[in-house]
Amino acid sequence: MKYEQHRILLLTIFAVLCRYPAAFAAKKNYVTCGSIIKLLNSDYNMRLHSHDVKYGSGSGQQSVTAIELKEDVNSHWVIKASTNKHCERGEPIKCGDIVRLEHLSTHKNLHSHFFSSPLSGEQEVSAYGENGVGDTGDHWELICSNESWMRDAHVRLRHVDTGAYLAISGRTFGRPISGQMEVVGVNNPSHGTRWTTAEGLFIVPKEKETEYIHTEL
């Protein structure tokens, strides 16, 4: 009888030890608040990008484009909560959350409004604000199918003020930004609106203390 009791106890401990590393590994796959990411368009294989180059038409604000080059530091974006909201560093971003994306190099937020884009005439997407502070035009709703944003998931970002989806139009710029593609807002979740995370610095969620209950058999 004692042998059977010990066997059951060992099997229980083994099951617990197997369970929690797997759960932690899953947590490490979350996209979280405070993470610095590169967003890769799933349809065009181009990274969301910005730089201190203004649009020559429309709003005249800082341009946002998409590039193929993997190593460019101007493709880093910091994930933040919406204006006047706070999220803890490492807190998983849930599907349906409203977020802002701050361009790491210029400290302007990913933005949109009812200006026309320069190449396709779709809705313009720009980088706006000073030192990470802008307005409600910086708010994007995360559209995804899981409970939270996973690193390998294909997601969409819907602009809160206008309802447009962040997209690549398929048009390519000439000089001075030759080869970069136009980033726009479109009315429907069509081709060019899917994004996934590529390279970046991901903040891992904080581990909560796990309570183990030991029962004598």
N, C-alpha and C. Protein backbone atom coordinates (compact mmCIF):
# COMPACT_ATOMS: atom_id res chain seq x y z
N MET A 1 0.83 -1.21 0.00
CA MET A 1 0.00 0.00 0.00
C MET A 1 0.86 1.25 0.00
N LYS A 2 1.94 1.23 0.86
CA LYS A 2 2.81 2.39 0.93
C LYS A 2 3.50 2.64 -0.42
N TYR A 3 3.87 1.57 -1.11
CA TYR A 3 4.51 1.70 -2.41
C TYR A 3 3.59 2.41 -3.39
N GLU A 4 2.32 2.03 -3.39
CA GLU A 4 1.35 2.63 -4.29
C GLU A 4 1.14 4.10 -3.96
N GLN A 5 1.11 4.43 -2.65
CA GLN A 5 0.93 5.82 -2.24
C GLN A 5 2.11 6.69 -2.69
N HIS A 6 3.33 6.16 -2.52
CA HIS A 6 4.50 6.89 -2.94
C HIS A 6 4.56 7.06 -4.46
N ARG A 7 4.11 6.05 -5.16
CA ARG A 7 4.10 6.12 -6.63
C ARG A 7 3.15 7.24 -7.09
N ILE A 8 1.97 7.33 -6.45
CA ILE A 8 1.00 8.36 -6.80
C ILE A 8 1.57 9.74 -6.48
N LEU A 9 2.25 9.87 -5.32
CA LEU A 9 2.83 11.14 -4.93
C LEU A 9 3.91 11.59 -5.92
N LEU A 10 4.76 10.67 -6.34
CA LEU A 10 5.81 10.99 -7.29
C LEU A 10 5.23 11.42 -8.64
N LEU A 11 4.18 10.71 -9.06
CA LEU A 11 3.53 11.07 -10.32
C LEU A 11 2.90 12.46 -10.24
N THR A 12 2.34 12.79 -9.08
CA THR A 12 1.73 14.11 -8.89
C THR A 12 2.78 15.20 -8.95
N ILE A 13 3.91 15.00 -8.25
CA ILE A 13 5.00 15.99 -8.26
C ILE A 13 5.54 16.17 -9.67
N PHE A 14 5.71 15.06 -10.40
CA PHE A 14 6.22 15.12 -11.77
C PHE A 14 5.28 15.92 -12.67
N ALA A 15 3.97 15.72 -12.47
CA ALA A 15 2.98 16.45 -13.28
C ALA A 15 3.06 17.95 -13.02
N VAL A 16 3.25 18.34 -11.74
CA VAL A 16 3.36 19.75 -11.39
C VAL A 16 4.62 20.36 -12.01
N LEU A 17 5.74 19.65 -11.89
CA LEU A 17 7.00 20.15 -12.43
C LEU A 17 6.95 20.30 -13.94
N CYS A 18 6.22 19.42 -14.59
CA CYS A 18 6.09 19.50 -16.05
C CYS A 18 5.16 20.65 -16.46
N ARG A 19 4.18 20.91 -15.62
CA ARG A 19 3.15 21.88 -16.00
C ARG A 19 3.67 23.31 -15.97
N TYR A 20 4.35 23.71 -14.91
CA TYR A 20 4.68 25.12 -14.75
C TYR A 20 5.74 25.64 -15.70
N PRO A 21 6.80 24.88 -16.05
CA PRO A 21 7.71 25.39 -17.09
C PRO A 21 7.02 25.63 -18.41
N ALA A 22 6.06 24.79 -18.73
CA ALA A 22 5.32 24.96 -19.98
C ALA A 22 4.50 26.25 -19.94
N ALA A 23 3.89 26.51 -18.78
CA ALA A 23 3.10 27.73 -18.64
C ALA A 23 3.98 28.96 -18.75
N PHE A 24 5.18 28.90 -18.15
CA PHE A 24 6.10 30.02 -18.21
C PHE A 24 6.57 30.25 -19.65
N ALA A 25 6.83 29.14 -20.36
CA ALA A 25 7.26 29.26 -21.76
C ALA A 25 6.19 29.95 -22.59
N ALA A 26 4.91 29.63 -22.30
CA ALA A 26 3.82 30.27 -23.03
C ALA A 26 3.79 31.76 -22.73
N LYS A 27 4.04 32.14 -21.44
CA LYS A 27 4.04 33.56 -21.08
C LYS A 27 5.12 34.33 -21.82
N LYS A 28 6.25 33.68 -22.07
CA LYS A 28 7.34 34.35 -22.75
C LYS A 28 7.00 34.68 -24.20
N ASN A 29 5.92 34.11 -24.73
CA ASN A 29 5.52 34.37 -26.11
C ASN A 29 4.53 35.53 -26.23
N TYR A 30 4.17 36.16 -25.10
CA TYR A 30 3.27 37.30 -25.15
C TYR A 30 3.99 38.55 -25.68
N VAL A 31 3.23 39.40 -26.37
CA VAL A 31 3.69 40.76 -26.66
C VAL A 31 3.19 41.61 -25.50
N THR A 32 4.08 42.39 -24.89
CA THR A 32 3.77 43.02 -23.61
C THR A 32 4.01 44.53 -23.64
N CYS A 33 3.42 45.19 -22.66
CA CYS A 33 3.58 46.63 -22.48
C CYS A 33 5.05 46.95 -22.21
N GLY A 34 5.56 47.98 -22.87
CA GLY A 34 6.95 48.38 -22.69
C GLY A 34 7.92 47.69 -23.62
N SER A 35 7.46 46.67 -24.34
CA SER A 35 8.34 45.98 -25.28
C SER A 35 8.67 46.89 -26.46
N ILE A 36 9.86 46.70 -27.01
CA ILE A 36 10.31 47.44 -28.20
C ILE A 36 10.30 46.45 -29.35
N ILE A 37 9.47 46.69 -30.35
CA ILE A 37 9.25 45.69 -31.39
C ILE A 37 9.44 46.26 -32.78
N LYS A 38 9.64 45.35 -33.72
CA LYS A 38 9.50 45.66 -35.14
C LYS A 38 8.26 44.93 -35.63
N LEU A 39 7.39 45.67 -36.32
CA LEU A 39 6.16 45.09 -36.86
C LEU A 39 6.37 44.71 -38.31
N LEU A 40 6.15 43.45 -38.62
CA LEU A 40 6.35 42.93 -39.97
C LEU A 40 5.00 42.71 -40.63
N ASN A 41 4.81 43.30 -41.80
CA ASN A 41 3.57 43.07 -42.53
C ASN A 41 3.57 41.66 -43.11
N SER A 42 2.56 40.88 -42.76
CA SER A 42 2.51 39.46 -43.13
C SER A 42 2.30 39.25 -44.61
N ASP A 43 1.71 40.23 -45.30
CA ASP A 43 1.40 40.08 -46.71
C ASP A 43 2.53 40.56 -47.62
N TYR A 44 3.27 41.58 -47.19
CA TYR A 44 4.34 42.15 -48.02
C TYR A 44 5.74 41.85 -47.49
N ASN A 45 5.85 41.30 -46.29
CA ASN A 45 7.14 41.00 -45.68
C ASN A 45 8.02 42.26 -45.55
N MET A 46 7.38 43.36 -45.14
CA MET A 46 8.05 44.65 -44.97
C MET A 46 7.80 45.12 -43.54
N ARG A 47 8.79 45.85 -42.97
CA ARG A 47 8.71 46.31 -41.59
C ARG A 47 8.23 47.75 -41.50
N LEU A 48 7.35 48.01 -40.51
CA LEU A 48 6.85 49.35 -40.25
C LEU A 48 8.02 50.26 -39.85
N HIS A 49 8.08 51.45 -40.44
CA HIS A 49 9.29 52.26 -40.37
C HIS A 49 8.92 53.74 -40.32
N SER A 50 9.78 54.55 -39.69
CA SER A 50 9.64 55.99 -39.78
C SER A 50 11.03 56.62 -39.68
N HIS A 51 11.09 57.93 -39.89
CA HIS A 51 12.36 58.65 -39.98
C HIS A 51 12.02 60.14 -40.01
N ASP A 52 12.98 60.99 -39.80
CA ASP A 52 12.72 62.42 -39.76
C ASP A 52 12.62 63.00 -41.18
N VAL A 53 11.66 62.48 -41.92
CA VAL A 53 11.36 62.98 -43.27
C VAL A 53 9.87 63.30 -43.31
N LYS A 54 9.53 64.54 -43.64
CA LYS A 54 8.14 64.98 -43.63
C LYS A 54 7.47 64.65 -44.96
N TYR A 55 6.15 64.43 -44.90
CA TYR A 55 5.37 64.31 -46.13
C TYR A 55 5.38 65.65 -46.87
N GLY A 56 5.48 65.59 -48.19
CA GLY A 56 5.44 66.80 -48.99
C GLY A 56 4.03 67.25 -49.30
N SER A 57 3.04 66.46 -48.87
CA SER A 57 1.63 66.80 -49.09
C SER A 57 0.86 66.38 -47.85
N GLY A 58 -0.47 66.49 -47.92
CA GLY A 58 -1.29 66.06 -46.78
C GLY A 58 -1.00 66.87 -45.54
N SER A 59 -0.76 66.19 -44.43
CA SER A 59 -0.55 66.86 -43.14
C SER A 59 0.82 67.51 -43.02
N GLY A 60 1.78 67.05 -43.80
CA GLY A 60 3.15 67.54 -43.66
C GLY A 60 3.85 67.00 -42.42
N GLN A 61 3.23 66.02 -41.75
CA GLN A 61 3.84 65.43 -40.56
C GLN A 61 4.91 64.40 -40.96
N GLN A 62 5.58 63.85 -39.95
CA GLN A 62 6.65 62.87 -40.20
C GLN A 62 6.08 61.64 -40.90
N SER A 63 6.74 61.21 -41.95
CA SER A 63 6.22 60.10 -42.76
C SER A 63 6.44 58.75 -42.08
N VAL A 64 5.54 57.84 -42.38
CA VAL A 64 5.63 56.43 -41.94
C VAL A 64 5.60 55.57 -43.19
N THR A 65 6.55 54.67 -43.31
CA THR A 65 6.66 53.82 -44.49
C THR A 65 6.89 52.38 -44.06
N ALA A 66 7.23 51.52 -45.00
CA ALA A 66 7.58 50.14 -44.71
C ALA A 66 8.83 49.79 -45.52
N ILE A 67 9.76 49.09 -44.87
CA ILE A 67 11.02 48.74 -45.53
C ILE A 67 11.29 47.24 -45.39
N GLU A 68 12.12 46.73 -46.29
CA GLU A 68 12.48 45.32 -46.26
C GLU A 68 13.66 45.06 -45.35
N LEU A 69 14.56 46.04 -45.21
CA LEU A 69 15.80 45.86 -44.45
C LEU A 69 15.51 45.49 -43.00
N LYS A 70 16.14 44.43 -42.56
CA LYS A 70 15.91 43.90 -41.21
C LYS A 70 16.63 44.71 -40.14
N GLU A 71 17.82 45.26 -40.46
CA GLU A 71 18.69 45.83 -39.45
C GLU A 71 18.44 47.30 -39.13
N ASP A 72 17.56 47.98 -39.84
CA ASP A 72 17.38 49.42 -39.67
C ASP A 72 16.79 49.76 -38.29
N VAL A 73 17.49 50.61 -37.53
CA VAL A 73 17.04 50.95 -36.17
C VAL A 73 15.81 51.85 -36.18
N ASN A 74 15.49 52.44 -37.32
CA ASN A 74 14.31 53.30 -37.40
C ASN A 74 13.00 52.52 -37.58
N SER A 75 13.08 51.22 -37.37
CA SER A 75 11.87 50.40 -37.43
C SER A 75 11.44 49.92 -36.05
N HIS A 76 12.04 50.47 -34.99
CA HIS A 76 11.67 50.07 -33.62
C HIS A 76 10.52 50.93 -33.10
N TRP A 77 9.55 50.26 -32.45
CA TRP A 77 8.39 50.93 -31.86
C TRP A 77 8.18 50.42 -30.44
N VAL A 78 7.85 51.34 -29.54
CA VAL A 78 7.59 51.00 -28.14
C VAL A 78 6.08 50.90 -27.92
N ILE A 79 5.64 49.82 -27.29
CA ILE A 79 4.21 49.62 -27.02
C ILE A 79 3.83 50.32 -25.72
N LYS A 80 2.81 51.18 -25.80
CA LYS A 80 2.34 51.93 -24.63
C LYS A 80 0.82 51.83 -24.51
N ALA A 81 0.31 52.17 -23.34
CA ALA A 81 -1.13 52.25 -23.14
C ALA A 81 -1.67 53.50 -23.84
N SER A 82 -2.99 53.62 -23.92
CA SER A 82 -3.60 54.81 -24.52
C SER A 82 -3.34 56.04 -23.64
N THR A 83 -3.63 57.21 -24.17
CA THR A 83 -3.37 58.47 -23.47
C THR A 83 -4.06 58.48 -22.10
N ASN A 84 -3.31 58.92 -21.08
CA ASN A 84 -3.79 59.01 -19.70
C ASN A 84 -4.11 57.67 -19.07
N LYS A 85 -3.68 56.59 -19.71
CA LYS A 85 -3.81 55.25 -19.13
C LYS A 85 -2.41 54.72 -18.81
N HIS A 86 -2.36 53.68 -18.00
CA HIS A 86 -1.07 53.11 -17.61
C HIS A 86 -1.14 51.60 -17.72
N CYS A 87 -0.07 51.02 -18.23
CA CYS A 87 0.05 49.56 -18.20
C CYS A 87 1.40 49.20 -17.60
N GLU A 88 1.45 48.14 -16.83
CA GLU A 88 2.69 47.71 -16.19
C GLU A 88 3.63 47.14 -17.24
N ARG A 89 4.93 47.44 -17.08
CA ARG A 89 5.93 46.82 -17.95
C ARG A 89 5.83 45.31 -17.84
N GLY A 90 5.76 44.65 -19.00
CA GLY A 90 5.65 43.20 -19.00
C GLY A 90 4.22 42.68 -18.96
N GLU A 91 3.25 43.58 -18.86
CA GLU A 91 1.84 43.16 -18.84
C GLU A 91 1.41 42.77 -20.26
N PRO A 92 0.87 41.56 -20.46
CA PRO A 92 0.45 41.14 -21.80
C PRO A 92 -0.61 42.07 -22.37
N ILE A 93 -0.48 42.38 -23.66
CA ILE A 93 -1.49 43.19 -24.36
C ILE A 93 -2.62 42.27 -24.81
N LYS A 94 -3.83 42.58 -24.38
CA LYS A 94 -4.98 41.73 -24.69
C LYS A 94 -5.62 42.15 -26.00
N CYS A 95 -6.21 41.19 -26.68
CA CYS A 95 -6.98 41.49 -27.88
C CYS A 95 -8.12 42.45 -27.51
N GLY A 96 -8.27 43.51 -28.27
CA GLY A 96 -9.26 44.52 -27.97
C GLY A 96 -8.71 45.71 -27.19
N ASP A 97 -7.48 45.61 -26.69
CA ASP A 97 -6.87 46.72 -25.97
C ASP A 97 -6.58 47.89 -26.92
N ILE A 98 -6.61 49.10 -26.37
CA ILE A 98 -6.22 50.30 -27.11
C ILE A 98 -4.77 50.63 -26.75
N VAL A 99 -3.92 50.72 -27.75
CA VAL A 99 -2.50 50.96 -27.51
C VAL A 99 -2.00 52.14 -28.34
N ARG A 100 -0.81 52.62 -27.96
CA ARG A 100 -0.06 53.56 -28.78
C ARG A 100 1.29 52.93 -29.12
N LEU A 101 1.82 53.27 -30.27
CA LEU A 101 3.14 52.81 -30.69
C LEU A 101 4.03 54.04 -30.87
N GLU A 102 5.03 54.15 -30.01
CA GLU A 102 5.94 55.30 -30.08
C GLU A 102 7.20 54.94 -30.85
N HIS A 103 7.53 55.75 -31.85
CA HIS A 103 8.74 55.52 -32.64
C HIS A 103 9.95 55.78 -31.76
N LEU A 104 10.80 54.77 -31.61
CA LEU A 104 11.89 54.83 -30.64
C LEU A 104 12.88 55.96 -30.93
N SER A 105 13.19 56.19 -32.20
CA SER A 105 14.23 57.16 -32.56
C SER A 105 13.75 58.61 -32.46
N THR A 106 12.50 58.88 -32.83
CA THR A 106 12.03 60.27 -32.90
C THR A 106 11.01 60.62 -31.82
N HIS A 107 10.55 59.62 -31.06
CA HIS A 107 9.60 59.82 -29.95
C HIS A 107 8.28 60.43 -30.41
N LYS A 108 7.89 60.06 -31.64
CA LYS A 108 6.56 60.43 -32.13
C LYS A 108 5.70 59.16 -32.21
N ASN A 109 4.40 59.33 -32.06
CA ASN A 109 3.49 58.19 -32.04
C ASN A 109 2.91 57.88 -33.42
N LEU A 110 2.68 56.58 -33.66
CA LEU A 110 1.98 56.18 -34.88
C LEU A 110 0.60 56.80 -34.87
N HIS A 111 0.24 57.47 -35.97
CA HIS A 111 -0.91 58.38 -35.97
C HIS A 111 -1.67 58.25 -37.29
N SER A 112 -2.94 58.59 -37.27
CA SER A 112 -3.68 58.70 -38.53
C SER A 112 -4.80 59.73 -38.38
N HIS A 113 -5.37 60.13 -39.51
CA HIS A 113 -6.35 61.21 -39.57
C HIS A 113 -6.91 61.25 -41.00
N PHE A 114 -7.85 62.15 -41.25
CA PHE A 114 -8.54 62.16 -42.54
C PHE A 114 -7.80 62.98 -43.61
N PHE A 115 -6.49 62.89 -43.67
CA PHE A 115 -5.73 63.39 -44.80
C PHE A 115 -5.53 62.26 -45.80
N SER A 116 -5.33 62.59 -47.06
CA SER A 116 -5.09 61.57 -48.08
C SER A 116 -3.61 61.23 -48.14
N SER A 117 -3.31 59.94 -48.35
CA SER A 117 -1.91 59.51 -48.48
C SER A 117 -1.35 59.95 -49.83
N PRO A 118 -0.03 60.12 -49.93
CA PRO A 118 0.55 60.75 -51.13
C PRO A 118 0.52 59.92 -52.40
N LEU A 119 0.53 58.59 -52.30
CA LEU A 119 0.62 57.77 -53.51
C LEU A 119 -0.71 57.17 -53.93
N SER A 120 -1.42 56.56 -53.00
CA SER A 120 -2.65 55.84 -53.35
C SER A 120 -3.92 56.63 -53.08
N GLY A 121 -3.81 57.72 -52.31
CA GLY A 121 -5.01 58.48 -51.96
C GLY A 121 -5.83 57.85 -50.86
N GLU A 122 -5.28 56.83 -50.20
CA GLU A 122 -5.95 56.24 -49.03
C GLU A 122 -5.73 57.17 -47.84
N GLN A 123 -6.09 56.73 -46.65
CA GLN A 123 -5.94 57.56 -45.46
C GLN A 123 -4.47 57.62 -45.03
N GLU A 124 -3.99 58.83 -44.78
CA GLU A 124 -2.58 59.01 -44.42
C GLU A 124 -2.29 58.44 -43.02
N VAL A 125 -1.13 57.82 -42.88
CA VAL A 125 -0.58 57.40 -41.59
C VAL A 125 0.73 58.15 -41.39
N SER A 126 0.88 58.75 -40.23
CA SER A 126 2.07 59.57 -39.96
C SER A 126 2.62 59.24 -38.58
N ALA A 127 3.68 59.96 -38.19
CA ALA A 127 4.19 59.91 -36.82
C ALA A 127 4.02 61.32 -36.26
N TYR A 128 3.43 61.41 -35.05
CA TYR A 128 2.97 62.70 -34.55
C TYR A 128 3.25 62.82 -33.06
N GLY A 129 3.40 64.06 -32.58
CA GLY A 129 3.55 64.33 -31.16
C GLY A 129 4.96 64.77 -30.82
N GLU A 130 5.16 65.08 -29.53
CA GLU A 130 6.47 65.48 -29.03
C GLU A 130 6.76 64.69 -27.77
N ASN A 131 7.93 64.06 -27.75
CA ASN A 131 8.36 63.27 -26.58
C ASN A 131 7.31 62.25 -26.16
N GLY A 132 6.70 61.63 -27.17
CA GLY A 132 5.73 60.57 -26.90
C GLY A 132 4.34 61.04 -26.54
N VAL A 133 4.10 62.35 -26.56
CA VAL A 133 2.78 62.89 -26.21
C VAL A 133 2.11 63.42 -27.47
N GLY A 134 0.92 62.89 -27.77
CA GLY A 134 0.18 63.32 -28.95
C GLY A 134 -1.28 63.56 -28.61
N ASP A 135 -2.19 62.89 -29.34
CA ASP A 135 -3.61 63.02 -29.07
C ASP A 135 -4.32 61.70 -29.37
N THR A 136 -5.65 61.73 -29.45
CA THR A 136 -6.40 60.49 -29.65
C THR A 136 -6.17 59.87 -31.03
N GLY A 137 -5.60 60.65 -31.95
CA GLY A 137 -5.27 60.10 -33.26
C GLY A 137 -4.13 59.09 -33.20
N ASP A 138 -3.54 58.92 -32.00
CA ASP A 138 -2.47 57.94 -31.81
C ASP A 138 -3.00 56.60 -31.30
N HIS A 139 -4.30 56.47 -31.13
CA HIS A 139 -4.88 55.27 -30.52
C HIS A 139 -5.22 54.20 -31.56
N TRP A 140 -4.78 52.98 -31.29
CA TRP A 140 -5.02 51.84 -32.18
C TRP A 140 -5.57 50.67 -31.38
N GLU A 141 -6.63 50.07 -31.89
CA GLU A 141 -7.22 48.89 -31.25
C GLU A 141 -6.58 47.63 -31.81
N LEU A 142 -6.14 46.75 -30.91
CA LEU A 142 -5.54 45.49 -31.34
C LEU A 142 -6.64 44.48 -31.68
N ILE A 143 -6.63 44.01 -32.92
CA ILE A 143 -7.61 43.02 -33.38
C ILE A 143 -6.88 41.68 -33.54
N CYS A 144 -7.22 40.71 -32.72
CA CYS A 144 -6.60 39.38 -32.81
C CYS A 144 -7.58 38.33 -32.30
N SER A 145 -7.23 37.07 -32.50
CA SER A 145 -8.18 35.99 -32.24
C SER A 145 -7.92 35.26 -30.93
N ASN A 146 -6.78 35.49 -30.29
CA ASN A 146 -6.51 34.86 -29.00
C ASN A 146 -6.96 35.78 -27.87
N GLU A 147 -6.74 35.37 -26.64
CA GLU A 147 -7.06 36.24 -25.51
C GLU A 147 -6.08 37.41 -25.45
N SER A 148 -4.79 37.12 -25.74
CA SER A 148 -3.75 38.15 -25.71
C SER A 148 -2.94 38.11 -26.99
N TRP A 149 -2.14 39.15 -27.20
CA TRP A 149 -1.28 39.26 -28.38
C TRP A 149 -0.10 38.32 -28.23
N MET A 150 0.01 37.35 -29.13
CA MET A 150 1.12 36.41 -29.13
C MET A 150 2.11 36.82 -30.22
N ARG A 151 3.40 36.56 -29.97
CA ARG A 151 4.44 37.05 -30.88
C ARG A 151 4.32 36.51 -32.30
N ASP A 152 3.86 35.29 -32.43
CA ASP A 152 3.80 34.70 -33.77
C ASP A 152 2.42 34.86 -34.41
N ALA A 153 1.51 35.56 -33.75
CA ALA A 153 0.14 35.72 -34.26
C ALA A 153 0.09 36.80 -35.34
N HIS A 154 -0.85 36.64 -36.27
CA HIS A 154 -1.13 37.67 -37.26
C HIS A 154 -2.26 38.54 -36.72
N VAL A 155 -2.00 39.83 -36.55
CA VAL A 155 -2.97 40.73 -35.94
C VAL A 155 -3.26 41.89 -36.88
N ARG A 156 -4.28 42.65 -36.53
CA ARG A 156 -4.58 43.90 -37.23
C ARG A 156 -4.65 45.02 -36.22
N LEU A 157 -4.35 46.23 -36.67
CA LEU A 157 -4.47 47.42 -35.84
C LEU A 157 -5.48 48.36 -36.47
N ARG A 158 -6.56 48.64 -35.72
CA ARG A 158 -7.64 49.48 -36.23
C ARG A 158 -7.59 50.85 -35.54
N HIS A 159 -7.54 51.89 -36.34
CA HIS A 159 -7.44 53.24 -35.81
C HIS A 159 -8.75 53.62 -35.14
N VAL A 160 -8.67 54.04 -33.87
CA VAL A 160 -9.88 54.26 -33.07
C VAL A 160 -10.70 55.44 -33.60
N ASP A 161 -10.06 56.57 -33.92
CA ASP A 161 -10.80 57.77 -34.33
C ASP A 161 -11.51 57.60 -35.67
N THR A 162 -10.91 56.85 -36.60
CA THR A 162 -11.44 56.79 -37.97
C THR A 162 -11.94 55.40 -38.38
N GLY A 163 -11.57 54.36 -37.64
CA GLY A 163 -11.98 52.99 -37.98
C GLY A 163 -11.13 52.35 -39.07
N ALA A 164 -10.09 53.03 -39.54
CA ALA A 164 -9.26 52.49 -40.62
C ALA A 164 -8.26 51.47 -40.08
N TYR A 165 -7.90 50.51 -40.93
CA TYR A 165 -6.93 49.48 -40.57
C TYR A 165 -5.54 49.86 -41.08
N LEU A 166 -4.53 49.68 -40.22
CA LEU A 166 -3.16 49.93 -40.63
C LEU A 166 -2.78 48.96 -41.74
N ALA A 167 -2.24 49.49 -42.85
CA ALA A 167 -2.02 48.65 -44.02
C ALA A 167 -0.85 49.16 -44.86
N ILE A 168 -0.39 48.32 -45.76
CA ILE A 168 0.53 48.73 -46.83
C ILE A 168 -0.28 48.77 -48.12
N SER A 169 -0.13 49.86 -48.86
CA SER A 169 -0.96 50.05 -50.05
C SER A 169 -0.46 49.26 -51.26
N GLY A 170 0.81 48.86 -51.24
CA GLY A 170 1.41 48.21 -52.40
C GLY A 170 2.16 49.18 -53.30
N ARG A 171 2.05 50.49 -53.03
CA ARG A 171 2.75 51.51 -53.80
C ARG A 171 4.14 51.75 -53.21
N THR A 172 5.10 52.11 -54.07
CA THR A 172 6.49 52.30 -53.65
C THR A 172 6.94 53.73 -53.93
N PHE A 173 7.64 54.33 -52.97
CA PHE A 173 8.13 55.70 -53.11
C PHE A 173 9.38 55.76 -53.99
N GLY A 174 9.60 56.94 -54.59
CA GLY A 174 10.86 57.26 -55.24
C GLY A 174 11.73 58.06 -54.28
N ARG A 175 12.63 58.84 -54.79
CA ARG A 175 13.53 59.63 -53.95
C ARG A 175 12.76 60.64 -53.10
N PRO A 176 13.22 60.94 -51.86
CA PRO A 176 14.48 60.51 -51.24
C PRO A 176 14.39 59.20 -50.46
N ILE A 177 13.25 58.52 -50.55
CA ILE A 177 13.09 57.27 -49.79
C ILE A 177 12.78 56.12 -50.78
N SER A 178 13.59 56.01 -51.78
CA SER A 178 13.37 55.02 -52.84
C SER A 178 13.28 53.60 -52.28
N GLY A 179 12.29 52.86 -52.79
CA GLY A 179 12.14 51.46 -52.41
C GLY A 179 11.28 51.23 -51.19
N GLN A 180 11.00 52.29 -50.43
CA GLN A 180 10.13 52.14 -49.27
C GLN A 180 8.67 52.16 -49.72
N MET A 181 7.85 51.38 -49.02
CA MET A 181 6.45 51.25 -49.43
C MET A 181 5.55 52.17 -48.60
N GLU A 182 4.44 52.53 -49.20
CA GLU A 182 3.48 53.43 -48.56
C GLU A 182 2.66 52.70 -47.50
N VAL A 183 2.59 53.29 -46.30
CA VAL A 183 1.74 52.78 -45.22
C VAL A 183 0.52 53.69 -45.11
N VAL A 184 -0.66 53.08 -45.03
CA VAL A 184 -1.91 53.83 -45.08
C VAL A 184 -2.93 53.25 -44.11
N GLY A 185 -4.07 53.92 -44.03
CA GLY A 185 -5.24 53.35 -43.38
C GLY A 185 -6.28 53.01 -44.43
N VAL A 186 -6.87 51.81 -44.31
CA VAL A 186 -7.90 51.38 -45.26
C VAL A 186 -9.18 51.00 -44.52
N ASN A 187 -10.30 51.06 -45.22
CA ASN A 187 -11.60 50.86 -44.57
C ASN A 187 -11.90 49.40 -44.23
N ASN A 188 -11.32 48.47 -44.98
CA ASN A 188 -11.64 47.06 -44.79
C ASN A 188 -10.39 46.26 -44.43
N PRO A 189 -10.54 45.18 -43.66
CA PRO A 189 -9.39 44.33 -43.30
C PRO A 189 -8.96 43.44 -44.47
N SER A 190 -8.46 44.07 -45.50
CA SER A 190 -8.13 43.39 -46.75
C SER A 190 -6.66 43.04 -46.82
N HIS A 191 -6.18 42.70 -48.02
CA HIS A 191 -4.77 42.37 -48.23
C HIS A 191 -3.89 43.54 -47.80
N GLY A 192 -2.83 43.23 -47.05
CA GLY A 192 -1.91 44.26 -46.59
C GLY A 192 -2.17 44.76 -45.19
N THR A 193 -3.21 44.23 -44.52
CA THR A 193 -3.57 44.72 -43.18
C THR A 193 -3.10 43.80 -42.05
N ARG A 194 -2.46 42.68 -42.37
CA ARG A 194 -2.03 41.75 -41.32
C ARG A 194 -0.58 42.04 -40.91
N TRP A 195 -0.34 42.02 -39.60
CA TRP A 195 0.98 42.31 -39.05
C TRP A 195 1.37 41.25 -38.01
N THR A 196 2.66 41.04 -37.86
CA THR A 196 3.17 40.17 -36.80
C THR A 196 4.45 40.78 -36.26
N THR A 197 4.87 40.37 -35.08
CA THR A 197 6.10 40.92 -34.52
C THR A 197 7.31 40.19 -35.11
N ALA A 198 8.35 40.96 -35.38
CA ALA A 198 9.61 40.38 -35.86
C ALA A 198 10.65 40.55 -34.76
N GLU A 199 11.74 41.27 -35.05
CA GLU A 199 12.78 41.46 -34.06
C GLU A 199 12.31 42.44 -32.97
N GLY A 200 13.00 42.40 -31.82
CA GLY A 200 12.68 43.37 -30.78
C GLY A 200 13.19 42.97 -29.42
N LEU A 201 12.92 43.82 -28.45
CA LEU A 201 13.23 43.57 -27.04
C LEU A 201 11.91 43.36 -26.33
N PHE A 202 11.62 42.12 -25.98
CA PHE A 202 10.34 41.77 -25.39
C PHE A 202 10.48 41.68 -23.87
N ILE A 203 9.62 42.42 -23.16
CA ILE A 203 9.60 42.38 -21.70
C ILE A 203 8.76 41.18 -21.28
N VAL A 204 9.36 40.28 -20.51
CA VAL A 204 8.66 39.06 -20.08
C VAL A 204 7.74 39.40 -18.91
N PRO A 205 6.51 38.85 -18.89
CA PRO A 205 5.60 39.10 -17.77
C PRO A 205 6.21 38.69 -16.44
N LYS A 206 5.91 39.47 -15.40
CA LYS A 206 6.40 39.14 -14.07
C LYS A 206 5.74 37.84 -13.59
N GLU A 207 6.56 37.01 -12.96
CA GLU A 207 6.03 35.76 -12.42
C GLU A 207 5.41 35.99 -11.05
N LYS A 208 4.18 35.53 -10.89
CA LYS A 208 3.56 35.58 -9.58
C LYS A 208 3.98 34.34 -8.78
N GLU A 209 4.03 34.51 -7.46
CA GLU A 209 4.38 33.36 -6.61
C GLU A 209 3.30 32.31 -6.74
N THR A 210 3.73 31.07 -6.92
CA THR A 210 2.79 29.96 -7.07
C THR A 210 2.68 29.23 -5.74
N GLU A 211 1.47 29.01 -5.29
CA GLU A 211 1.26 28.34 -4.02
C GLU A 211 1.08 26.84 -4.26
N TYR A 212 1.93 26.05 -3.61
CA TYR A 212 1.83 24.60 -3.69
C TYR A 212 1.17 24.08 -2.42
N ILE A 213 0.20 23.24 -2.57
CA ILE A 213 -0.49 22.64 -1.41
C ILE A 213 -0.06 21.18 -1.32
N HIS A 214 0.54 20.82 -0.17
CA HIS A 214 1.00 19.44 0.03
C HIS A 214 0.00 18.69 0.90
N THR A 215 -0.48 17.60 0.43
CA THR A 215 -1.46 16.78 1.18
C THR A 215 -0.83 15.43 1.50
N GLU A 216 -0.84 15.09 2.78
CA GLU A 216 -0.31 13.78 3.20
C GLU A 216 -1.28 12.68 2.76
N LEU A 217 -0.74 11.65 2.16
CA LEU A 217 -1.60 10.54 1.71
C LEU A 217 -1.69 9.50 2.81
